Amino acid sequence: MTGLIGITRKIDHMGRVTLPKEYRDFFKMPTGKRVEIFATDEGILIRVPNRETAETKIGTIQERSPDRDYLTDDIS
């Protein structure tokens, strides 16, 4: 990853930061790609989720569909 360290960007009035094109190209991040954002002891970590992690999270969201009655399930 030589040459990709040390790029600075300003935070805009809405709190957004543009990822440098060099990073987006290197990490294969096309427009519309989802990223994960984490707070760490050293700062902010932005990463491209691996496919398995993303599919697992999508499955979890689909399992908790709004048409399911969770209160009834928890009581019985």
PDB file of N, CA and C in Angstrom:
ATOM      1  N   MET A   1       0.828  -1.184   0.000  1.00  0.00           N
ATOM      2  CA  MET A   1       0.000   0.000   0.000  1.00  0.00           C
ATOM      3  C   MET A   1       0.875   1.251   0.000  1.00  0.00           C
ATOM      4  N   THR A   2       2.043   1.166  -0.472  1.00  0.00           N
ATOM      5  CA  THR A   2       2.966   2.282  -0.518  1.00  0.00           C
ATOM      6  C   THR A   2       2.399   3.425  -1.347  1.00  0.00           C
ATOM      7  N   GLY A   3       2.566   4.651  -0.845  1.00  0.00           N
ATOM      8  CA  GLY A   3       2.113   5.817  -1.582  1.00  0.00           C
ATOM      9  C   GLY A   3       0.687   6.238  -1.276  1.00  0.00           C
ATOM     10  N   LEU A   4      -0.039   5.455  -0.484  1.00  0.00           N
ATOM     11  CA  LEU A   4      -1.422   5.806  -0.184  1.00  0.00           C
ATOM     12  C   LEU A   4      -1.589   6.418   1.203  1.00  0.00           C
ATOM     13  N   ILE A   5      -0.504   6.577   1.934  1.00  0.00           N
ATOM     14  CA  ILE A   5      -0.588   7.106   3.291  1.00  0.00           C
ATOM     15  C   ILE A   5      -0.295   8.601   3.270  1.00  0.00           C
ATOM     16  N   GLY A   6      -0.991   9.371   4.096  1.00  0.00           N
ATOM     17  CA  GLY A   6      -0.683  10.778   4.246  1.00  0.00           C
ATOM     18  C   GLY A   6      -1.574  11.732   3.480  1.00  0.00           C
ATOM     19  N   ILE A   7      -2.659  11.270   2.901  1.00  0.00           N
ATOM     20  CA  ILE A   7      -3.587  12.155   2.204  1.00  0.00           C
ATOM     21  C   ILE A   7      -4.522  12.772   3.238  1.00  0.00           C
ATOM     22  N   THR A   8      -4.711  14.076   3.171  1.00  0.00           N
ATOM     23  CA  THR A   8      -5.630  14.736   4.106  1.00  0.00           C
ATOM     24  C   THR A   8      -6.840  15.261   3.356  1.00  0.00           C
ATOM     25  N   ARG A   9      -7.948  15.320   4.052  1.00  0.00           N
ATOM     26  CA  ARG A   9      -9.195  15.841   3.491  1.00  0.00           C
ATOM     27  C   ARG A   9      -9.877  16.698   4.546  1.00  0.00           C
ATOM     28  N   LYS A  10     -10.670  17.677   4.111  1.00  0.00           N
ATOM     29  CA  LYS A  10     -11.451  18.499   5.027  1.00  0.00           C
ATOM     30  C   LYS A  10     -12.820  17.861   5.232  1.00  0.00           C
ATOM     31  N   ILE A  11     -13.365  18.064   6.415  1.00  0.00           N
ATOM     32  CA  ILE A  11     -14.738  17.653   6.705  1.00  0.00           C
ATOM     33  C   ILE A  11     -15.635  18.796   6.229  1.00  0.00           C
ATOM     34  N   ASP A  12     -16.661  18.466   5.410  1.00  0.00           N
ATOM     35  CA  ASP A  12     -17.534  19.530   4.902  1.00  0.00           C
ATOM     36  C   ASP A  12     -18.572  19.938   5.942  1.00  0.00           C
ATOM     37  N   HIS A  13     -19.413  20.910   5.605  1.00  0.00           N
ATOM     38  CA  HIS A  13     -20.395  21.451   6.551  1.00  0.00           C
ATOM     39  C   HIS A  13     -21.427  20.425   7.021  1.00  0.00           C
ATOM     40  N   MET A  14     -21.547  19.305   6.317  1.00  0.00           N
ATOM     41  CA  MET A  14     -22.487  18.255   6.715  1.00  0.00           C
ATOM     42  C   MET A  14     -21.771  17.077   7.391  1.00  0.00           C
ATOM     43  N   GLY A  15     -20.485  17.251   7.696  1.00  0.00           N
ATOM     44  CA  GLY A  15     -19.741  16.207   8.396  1.00  0.00           C
ATOM     45  C   GLY A  15     -19.203  15.113   7.497  1.00  0.00           C
ATOM     46  N   ARG A  16     -19.187  15.328   6.193  1.00  0.00           N
ATOM     47  CA  ARG A  16     -18.746  14.305   5.247  1.00  0.00           C
ATOM     48  C   ARG A  16     -17.272  14.477   4.907  1.00  0.00           C
ATOM     49  N   VAL A  17     -16.646  13.343   4.610  1.00  0.00           N
ATOM     50  CA  VAL A  17     -15.266  13.321   4.138  1.00  0.00           C
ATOM     51  C   VAL A  17     -15.250  12.507   2.853  1.00  0.00           C
ATOM     52  N   THR A  18     -14.605  13.023   1.822  1.00  0.00           N
ATOM     53  CA  THR A  18     -14.485  12.290   0.570  1.00  0.00           C
ATOM     54  C   THR A  18     -13.261  11.391   0.642  1.00  0.00           C
ATOM     55  N   LEU A  19     -13.455  10.109   0.367  1.00  0.00           N
ATOM     56  CA  LEU A  19     -12.324   9.186   0.323  1.00  0.00           C
ATOM     57  C   LEU A  19     -11.537   9.442  -0.957  1.00  0.00           C
ATOM     58  N   PRO A  20     -10.225   9.571  -0.857  1.00  0.00           N
ATOM     59  CA  PRO A  20      -9.421   9.826  -2.046  1.00  0.00           C
ATOM     60  C   PRO A  20      -9.602   8.740  -3.111  1.00  0.00           C
ATOM     61  N   LYS A  21      -9.579   9.156  -4.376  1.00  0.00           N
ATOM     62  CA  LYS A  21      -9.750   8.223  -5.487  1.00  0.00           C
ATOM     63  C   LYS A  21      -8.732   7.096  -5.432  1.00  0.00           C
ATOM     64  N   GLU A  22      -7.502   7.411  -5.023  1.00  0.00           N
ATOM     65  CA  GLU A  22      -6.461   6.384  -4.932  1.00  0.00           C
ATOM     66  C   GLU A  22      -6.871   5.266  -3.970  1.00  0.00           C
ATOM     67  N   TYR A  23      -7.492   5.626  -2.850  1.00  0.00           N
ATOM     68  CA  TYR A  23      -7.963   4.616  -1.884  1.00  0.00           C
ATOM     69  C   TYR A  23      -9.124   3.825  -2.473  1.00  0.00           C
ATOM     70  N   ARG A  24     -10.085   4.546  -3.066  1.00  0.00           N
ATOM     71  CA  ARG A  24     -11.255   3.857  -3.640  1.00  0.00           C
ATOM     72  C   ARG A  24     -10.831   2.874  -4.712  1.00  0.00           C
ATOM     73  N   ASP A  25      -9.878   3.252  -5.551  1.00  0.00           N
ATOM     74  CA  ASP A  25      -9.379   2.344  -6.589  1.00  0.00           C
ATOM     75  C   ASP A  25      -8.642   1.156  -5.977  1.00  0.00           C
ATOM     76  N   PHE A  26      -7.743   1.419  -5.033  1.00  0.00           N
ATOM     77  CA  PHE A  26      -6.928   0.368  -4.431  1.00  0.00           C
ATOM     78  C   PHE A  26      -7.793  -0.670  -3.717  1.00  0.00           C
ATOM     79  N   PHE A  27      -8.824  -0.200  -2.996  1.00  0.00           N
ATOM     80  CA  PHE A  27      -9.674  -1.108  -2.226  1.00  0.00           C
ATOM     81  C   PHE A  27     -10.936  -1.528  -2.976  1.00  0.00           C
ATOM     82  N   LYS A  28     -10.998  -1.225  -4.273  1.00  0.00           N
ATOM     83  CA  LYS A  28     -12.141  -1.613  -5.124  1.00  0.00           C
ATOM     84  C   LYS A  28     -13.462  -1.156  -4.491  1.00  0.00           C
ATOM     85  N   MET A  29     -13.602   0.164  -4.366  1.00  0.00           N
ATOM     86  CA  MET A  29     -14.773   0.769  -3.735  1.00  0.00           C
ATOM     87  C   MET A  29     -15.515   1.630  -4.754  1.00  0.00           C
ATOM     88  N   PRO A  30     -16.340   1.022  -5.605  1.00  0.00           N
ATOM     89  CA  PRO A  30     -17.079   1.824  -6.583  1.00  0.00           C
ATOM     90  C   PRO A  30     -18.158   2.662  -5.899  1.00  0.00           C
ATOM     91  N   THR A  31     -18.676   3.637  -6.605  1.00  0.00           N
ATOM     92  CA  THR A  31     -19.761   4.461  -6.090  1.00  0.00           C
ATOM     93  C   THR A  31     -20.918   3.561  -5.657  1.00  0.00           C
ATOM     94  N   GLY A  32     -21.472   3.821  -4.493  1.00  0.00           N
ATOM     95  CA  GLY A  32     -22.587   3.025  -3.979  1.00  0.00           C
ATOM     96  C   GLY A  32     -22.159   1.858  -3.104  1.00  0.00           C
ATOM     97  N   LYS A  33     -20.859   1.584  -3.022  1.00  0.00           N
ATOM     98  CA  LYS A  33     -20.359   0.477  -2.200  1.00  0.00           C
ATOM     99  C   LYS A  33     -20.569   0.812  -0.727  1.00  0.00           C
ATOM    100  N   ARG A  34     -21.038  -0.146   0.042  1.00  0.00           N
ATOM    101  CA  ARG A  34     -21.219   0.054   1.477  1.00  0.00           C
ATOM    102  C   ARG A  34     -19.892  -0.134   2.196  1.00  0.00           C
ATOM    103  N   VAL A  35     -19.692   0.626   3.257  1.00  0.00           N
ATOM    104  CA  VAL A  35     -18.505   0.489   4.087  1.00  0.00           C
ATOM    105  C   VAL A  35     -18.944   0.401   5.544  1.00  0.00           C
ATOM    106  N   GLU A  36     -18.092  -0.157   6.376  1.00  0.00           N
ATOM    107  CA  GLU A  36     -18.320  -0.203   7.814  1.00  0.00           C
ATOM    108  C   GLU A  36     -17.437   0.869   8.450  1.00  0.00           C
ATOM    109  N   ILE A  37     -17.953   1.552   9.461  1.00  0.00           N
ATOM    110  CA  ILE A  37     -17.214   2.595  10.151  1.00  0.00           C
ATOM    111  C   ILE A  37     -17.157   2.232  11.625  1.00  0.00           C
ATOM    112  N   PHE A  38     -15.944   2.193  12.169  1.00  0.00           N
ATOM    113  CA  PHE A  38     -15.732   1.813  13.567  1.00  0.00           C
ATOM    114  C   PHE A  38     -14.937   2.890  14.295  1.00  0.00           C
ATOM    115  N   ALA A  39     -15.237   3.095  15.566  1.00  0.00           N
ATOM    116  CA  ALA A  39     -14.412   3.925  16.430  1.00  0.00           C
ATOM    117  C   ALA A  39     -13.389   3.004  17.086  1.00  0.00           C
ATOM    118  N   THR A  40     -12.110   3.360  17.012  1.00  0.00           N
ATOM    119  CA  THR A  40     -11.047   2.565  17.631  1.00  0.00           C
ATOM    120  C   THR A  40     -10.264   3.458  18.585  1.00  0.00           C
ATOM    121  N   ASP A  41      -9.372   2.866  19.362  1.00  0.00           N
ATOM    122  CA  ASP A  41      -8.519   3.636  20.264  1.00  0.00           C
ATOM    123  C   ASP A  41      -7.622   4.605  19.493  1.00  0.00           C
ATOM    124  N   GLU A  42      -7.314   4.265  18.244  1.00  0.00           N
ATOM    125  CA  GLU A  42      -6.412   5.088  17.440  1.00  0.00           C
ATOM    126  C   GLU A  42      -7.139   6.074  16.534  1.00  0.00           C
ATOM    127  N   GLY A  43      -8.442   5.991  16.426  1.00  0.00           N
ATOM    128  CA  GLY A  43      -9.194   6.896  15.561  1.00  0.00           C
ATOM    129  C   GLY A  43     -10.359   6.185  14.904  1.00  0.00           C
ATOM    130  N   ILE A  44     -10.655   6.554  13.682  1.00  0.00           N
ATOM    131  CA  ILE A  44     -11.782   5.993  12.934  1.00  0.00           C
ATOM    132  C   ILE A  44     -11.263   4.990  11.908  1.00  0.00           C
ATOM    133  N   LEU A  45     -11.902   3.835  11.850  1.00  0.00           N
ATOM    134  CA  LEU A  45     -11.558   2.804  10.877  1.00  0.00           C
ATOM    135  C   LEU A  45     -12.714   2.681   9.895  1.00  0.00           C
ATOM    136  N   ILE A  46     -12.414   2.814   8.621  1.00  0.00           N
ATOM    137  CA  ILE A  46     -13.403   2.611   7.560  1.00  0.00           C
ATOM    138  C   ILE A  46     -12.946   1.393   6.785  1.00  0.00           C
ATOM    139  N   ARG A  47     -13.825   0.411   6.641  1.00  0.00           N
ATOM    140  CA  ARG A  47     -13.419  -0.782   5.902  1.00  0.00           C
ATOM    141  C   ARG A  47     -14.552  -1.298   5.042  1.00  0.00           C
ATOM    142  N   VAL A  48     -14.153  -1.999   3.990  1.00  0.00           N
ATOM    143  CA  VAL A  48     -15.107  -2.660   3.113  1.00  0.00           C
ATOM    144  C   VAL A  48     -15.443  -3.988   3.774  1.00  0.00           C
ATOM    145  N   PRO A  49     -16.724  -4.236   4.099  1.00  0.00           N
ATOM    146  CA  PRO A  49     -17.069  -5.500   4.738  1.00  0.00           C
ATOM    147  C   PRO A  49     -16.833  -6.665   3.785  1.00  0.00           C
ATOM    148  N   ASN A  50     -16.396  -7.799   4.347  1.00  0.00           N
ATOM    149  CA  ASN A  50     -16.249  -8.960   3.470  1.00  0.00           C
ATOM    150  C   ASN A  50     -17.632  -9.493   3.147  1.00  0.00           C
ATOM    151  N   ARG A  51     -17.749 -10.238   2.085  1.00  0.00           N
ATOM    152  CA  ARG A  51     -19.047 -10.697   1.580  1.00  0.00           C
ATOM    153  C   ARG A  51     -19.806 -11.502   2.625  1.00  0.00           C
ATOM    154  N   GLU A  52     -19.118 -12.387   3.337  1.00  0.00           N
ATOM    155  CA  GLU A  52     -19.778 -13.241   4.339  1.00  0.00           C
ATOM    156  C   GLU A  52     -20.394 -12.389   5.443  1.00  0.00           C
ATOM    157  N   THR A  53     -19.652 -11.396   5.932  1.00  0.00           N
ATOM    158  CA  THR A  53     -20.166 -10.519   6.982  1.00  0.00           C
ATOM    159  C   THR A  53     -21.388  -9.761   6.498  1.00  0.00           C
ATOM    160  N   ALA A  54     -21.334  -9.215   5.295  1.00  0.00           N
ATOM    161  CA  ALA A  54     -22.453  -8.453   4.752  1.00  0.00           C
ATOM    162  C   ALA A  54     -23.682  -9.337   4.578  1.00  0.00           C
ATOM    163  N   GLU A  55     -23.506 -10.551   4.060  1.00  0.00           N
ATOM    164  CA  GLU A  55     -24.643 -11.450   3.859  1.00  0.00           C
ATOM    165  C   GLU A  55     -25.245 -11.869   5.188  1.00  0.00           C
ATOM    166  N   THR A  56     -24.408 -12.087   6.207  1.00  0.00           N
ATOM    167  CA  THR A  56     -24.903 -12.452   7.532  1.00  0.00           C
ATOM    168  C   THR A  56     -25.752 -11.325   8.095  1.00  0.00           C
ATOM    169  N   LYS A  57     -25.296 -10.088   7.963  1.00  0.00           N
ATOM    170  CA  LYS A  57     -26.049  -8.949   8.482  1.00  0.00           C
ATOM    171  C   LYS A  57     -27.355  -8.772   7.728  1.00  0.00           C
ATOM    172  N   ILE A  58     -27.351  -8.950   6.421  1.00  0.00           N
ATOM    173  CA  ILE A  58     -28.579  -8.840   5.637  1.00  0.00           C
ATOM    174  C   ILE A  58     -29.565  -9.910   6.077  1.00  0.00           C
ATOM    175  N   GLY A  59     -29.097 -11.135   6.313  1.00  0.00           N
ATOM    176  CA  GLY A  59     -29.960 -12.213   6.782  1.00  0.00           C
ATOM    177  C   GLY A  59     -30.574 -11.874   8.124  1.00  0.00           C
ATOM    178  N   THR A  60     -29.791 -11.295   9.030  1.00  0.00           N
ATOM    179  CA  THR A  60     -30.293 -10.908  10.348  1.00  0.00           C
ATOM    180  C   THR A  60     -31.379  -9.855  10.214  1.00  0.00           C
ATOM    181  N   ILE A  61     -31.181  -8.893   9.341  1.00  0.00           N
ATOM    182  CA  ILE A  61     -32.184  -7.844   9.138  1.00  0.00           C
ATOM    183  C   ILE A  61     -33.459  -8.444   8.564  1.00  0.00           C
ATOM    184  N   GLN A  62     -33.346  -9.358   7.607  1.00  0.00           N
ATOM    185  CA  GLN A  62     -34.523  -9.957   6.991  1.00  0.00           C
ATOM    186  C   GLN A  62     -35.285 -10.819   7.989  1.00  0.00           C
ATOM    187  N   GLU A  63     -34.577 -11.478   8.917  1.00  0.00           N
ATOM    188  CA  GLU A  63     -35.255 -12.312   9.909  1.00  0.00           C
ATOM    189  C   GLU A  63     -36.130 -11.483  10.836  1.00  0.00           C
ATOM    190  N   ARG A  64     -35.789 -10.237  11.070  1.00  0.00           N
ATOM    191  CA  ARG A  64     -36.546  -9.360  11.963  1.00  0.00           C
ATOM    192  C   ARG A  64     -37.475  -8.450  11.163  1.00  0.00           C
ATOM    193  N   SER A  65     -38.282  -9.047  10.313  1.00  0.00           N
ATOM    194  CA  SER A  65     -39.193  -8.261   9.488  1.00  0.00           C
ATOM    195  C   SER A  65     -40.288  -7.641  10.355  1.00  0.00           C
ATOM    196  N   PRO A  66     -40.801  -6.471   9.969  1.00  0.00           N
ATOM    197  CA  PRO A  66     -41.786  -5.761  10.781  1.00  0.00           C
ATOM    198  C   PRO A  66     -43.139  -6.452  10.884  1.00  0.00           C
ATOM    199  N   ASP A  67     -43.426  -7.401  10.001  1.00  0.00           N
ATOM    200  CA  ASP A  67     -44.728  -8.068  10.060  1.00  0.00           C
ATOM    201  C   ASP A  67     -44.737  -9.226  11.060  1.00  0.00           C
ATOM    202  N   ARG A  68     -43.655  -9.418  11.773  1.00  0.00           N
ATOM    203  CA  ARG A  68     -43.588 -10.489  12.763  1.00  0.00           C
ATOM    204  C   ARG A  68     -43.914  -9.924  14.139  1.00  0.00           C
ATOM    205  N   ASP A  69     -44.681 -10.627  14.923  1.00  0.00           N
ATOM    206  CA  ASP A  69     -45.102 -10.151  16.234  1.00  0.00           C
ATOM    207  C   ASP A  69     -44.115 -10.632  17.301  1.00  0.00           C
ATOM    208  N   TYR A  70     -43.138  -9.812  17.631  1.00  0.00           N
ATOM    209  CA  TYR A  70     -42.102 -10.208  18.600  1.00  0.00           C
ATOM    210  C   TYR A  70     -42.619 -10.256  20.030  1.00  0.00           C
ATOM    211  N   LEU A  71     -43.583  -9.418  20.347  1.00  0.00           N
ATOM    212  CA  LEU A  71     -44.103  -9.435  21.706  1.00  0.00           C
ATOM    213  C   LEU A  71     -44.758 -10.766  22.018  1.00  0.00           C
ATOM    214  N   THR A  72     -45.519 -11.284  21.098  1.00  0.00           N
ATOM    215  CA  THR A  72     -46.175 -12.569  21.297  1.00  0.00           C
ATOM    216  C   THR A  72     -45.153 -13.675  21.444  1.00  0.00           C
ATOM    217  N   ASP A  73     -44.088 -13.661  20.599  1.00  0.00           N
ATOM    218  CA  ASP A  73     -43.053 -14.673  20.669  1.00  0.00           C
ATOM    219  C   ASP A  73     -42.332 -14.643  22.008  1.00  0.00           C
ATOM    220  N   ASP A  74     -42.073 -13.443  22.533  1.00  0.00           N
ATOM    221  CA  ASP A  74     -41.331 -13.318  23.787  1.00  0.00           C
ATOM    222  C   ASP A  74     -42.173 -13.782  24.980  1.00  0.00           C
ATOM    223  N   ILE A  75     -43.480 -13.591  24.922  1.00  0.00           N
ATOM    224  CA  ILE A  75     -44.353 -13.940  26.041  1.00  0.00           C
ATOM    225  C   ILE A  75     -44.612 -15.435  26.097  1.00  0.00           C
ATOM    226  N   SER A  76     -44.765 -16.070  24.950  1.00  0.00           N
ATOM    227  CA  SER A  76     -45.140 -17.492  24.948  1.00  0.00           C
ATOM    228  C   SER A  76     -43.989 -18.417  25.175  1.00  0.00           C
TER     229      SER A  76
END
